[in-house]
Each structure stands twice: as C-alpha cells, then as structure tokens.
Amino acid sequence: MNGQAILENVRRYRGIASLYRQTAAFRPCQSWSLLEQASEWEARALEELEAYFAARTEHVVPLAA
C-alpha cells in the first residue's frame, strides 16, 4: 500500500472516530459504548501511521558520518 493510501485511511478513520464522539454527545445513554468505538477507530489510525513511518524508515539510506 502506498503512502497516500495509508494517509487517506488515517484521515477516514479519524473522521469516523469524530462522528462517534459527536454522536456520544447527543446520546448520553450510549455514550460509553460510542466513546469506546471512537477509541478503537483512533487506535486503527495510529496503527496505520505507525506502519506508514515504519515503511518510510526502512527505505531511508543512512547519511555518511
């Protein structure tokens, strides 16, 4: 997967998490469940970012000392 696709996934996952948080504000009886879902989507976004930067560092050539 290329870098642009990964960053698009991160944007999408964070958008979904934001919607869950907004919904939790208007549904207090379900807020714990909704906030848990938001947290899971944020974790997915973080995993994608970690994969993105791990892939980038694998291709970086170290500078000569």
Foldseek 3Di string as FASTA:
>chain_A
DDLVVLVVLLVVLQVQLVVLCVVCVVPVVCNVVSNVSSVVSNVVSVVSVVVSVVVVVVPDDDDDD
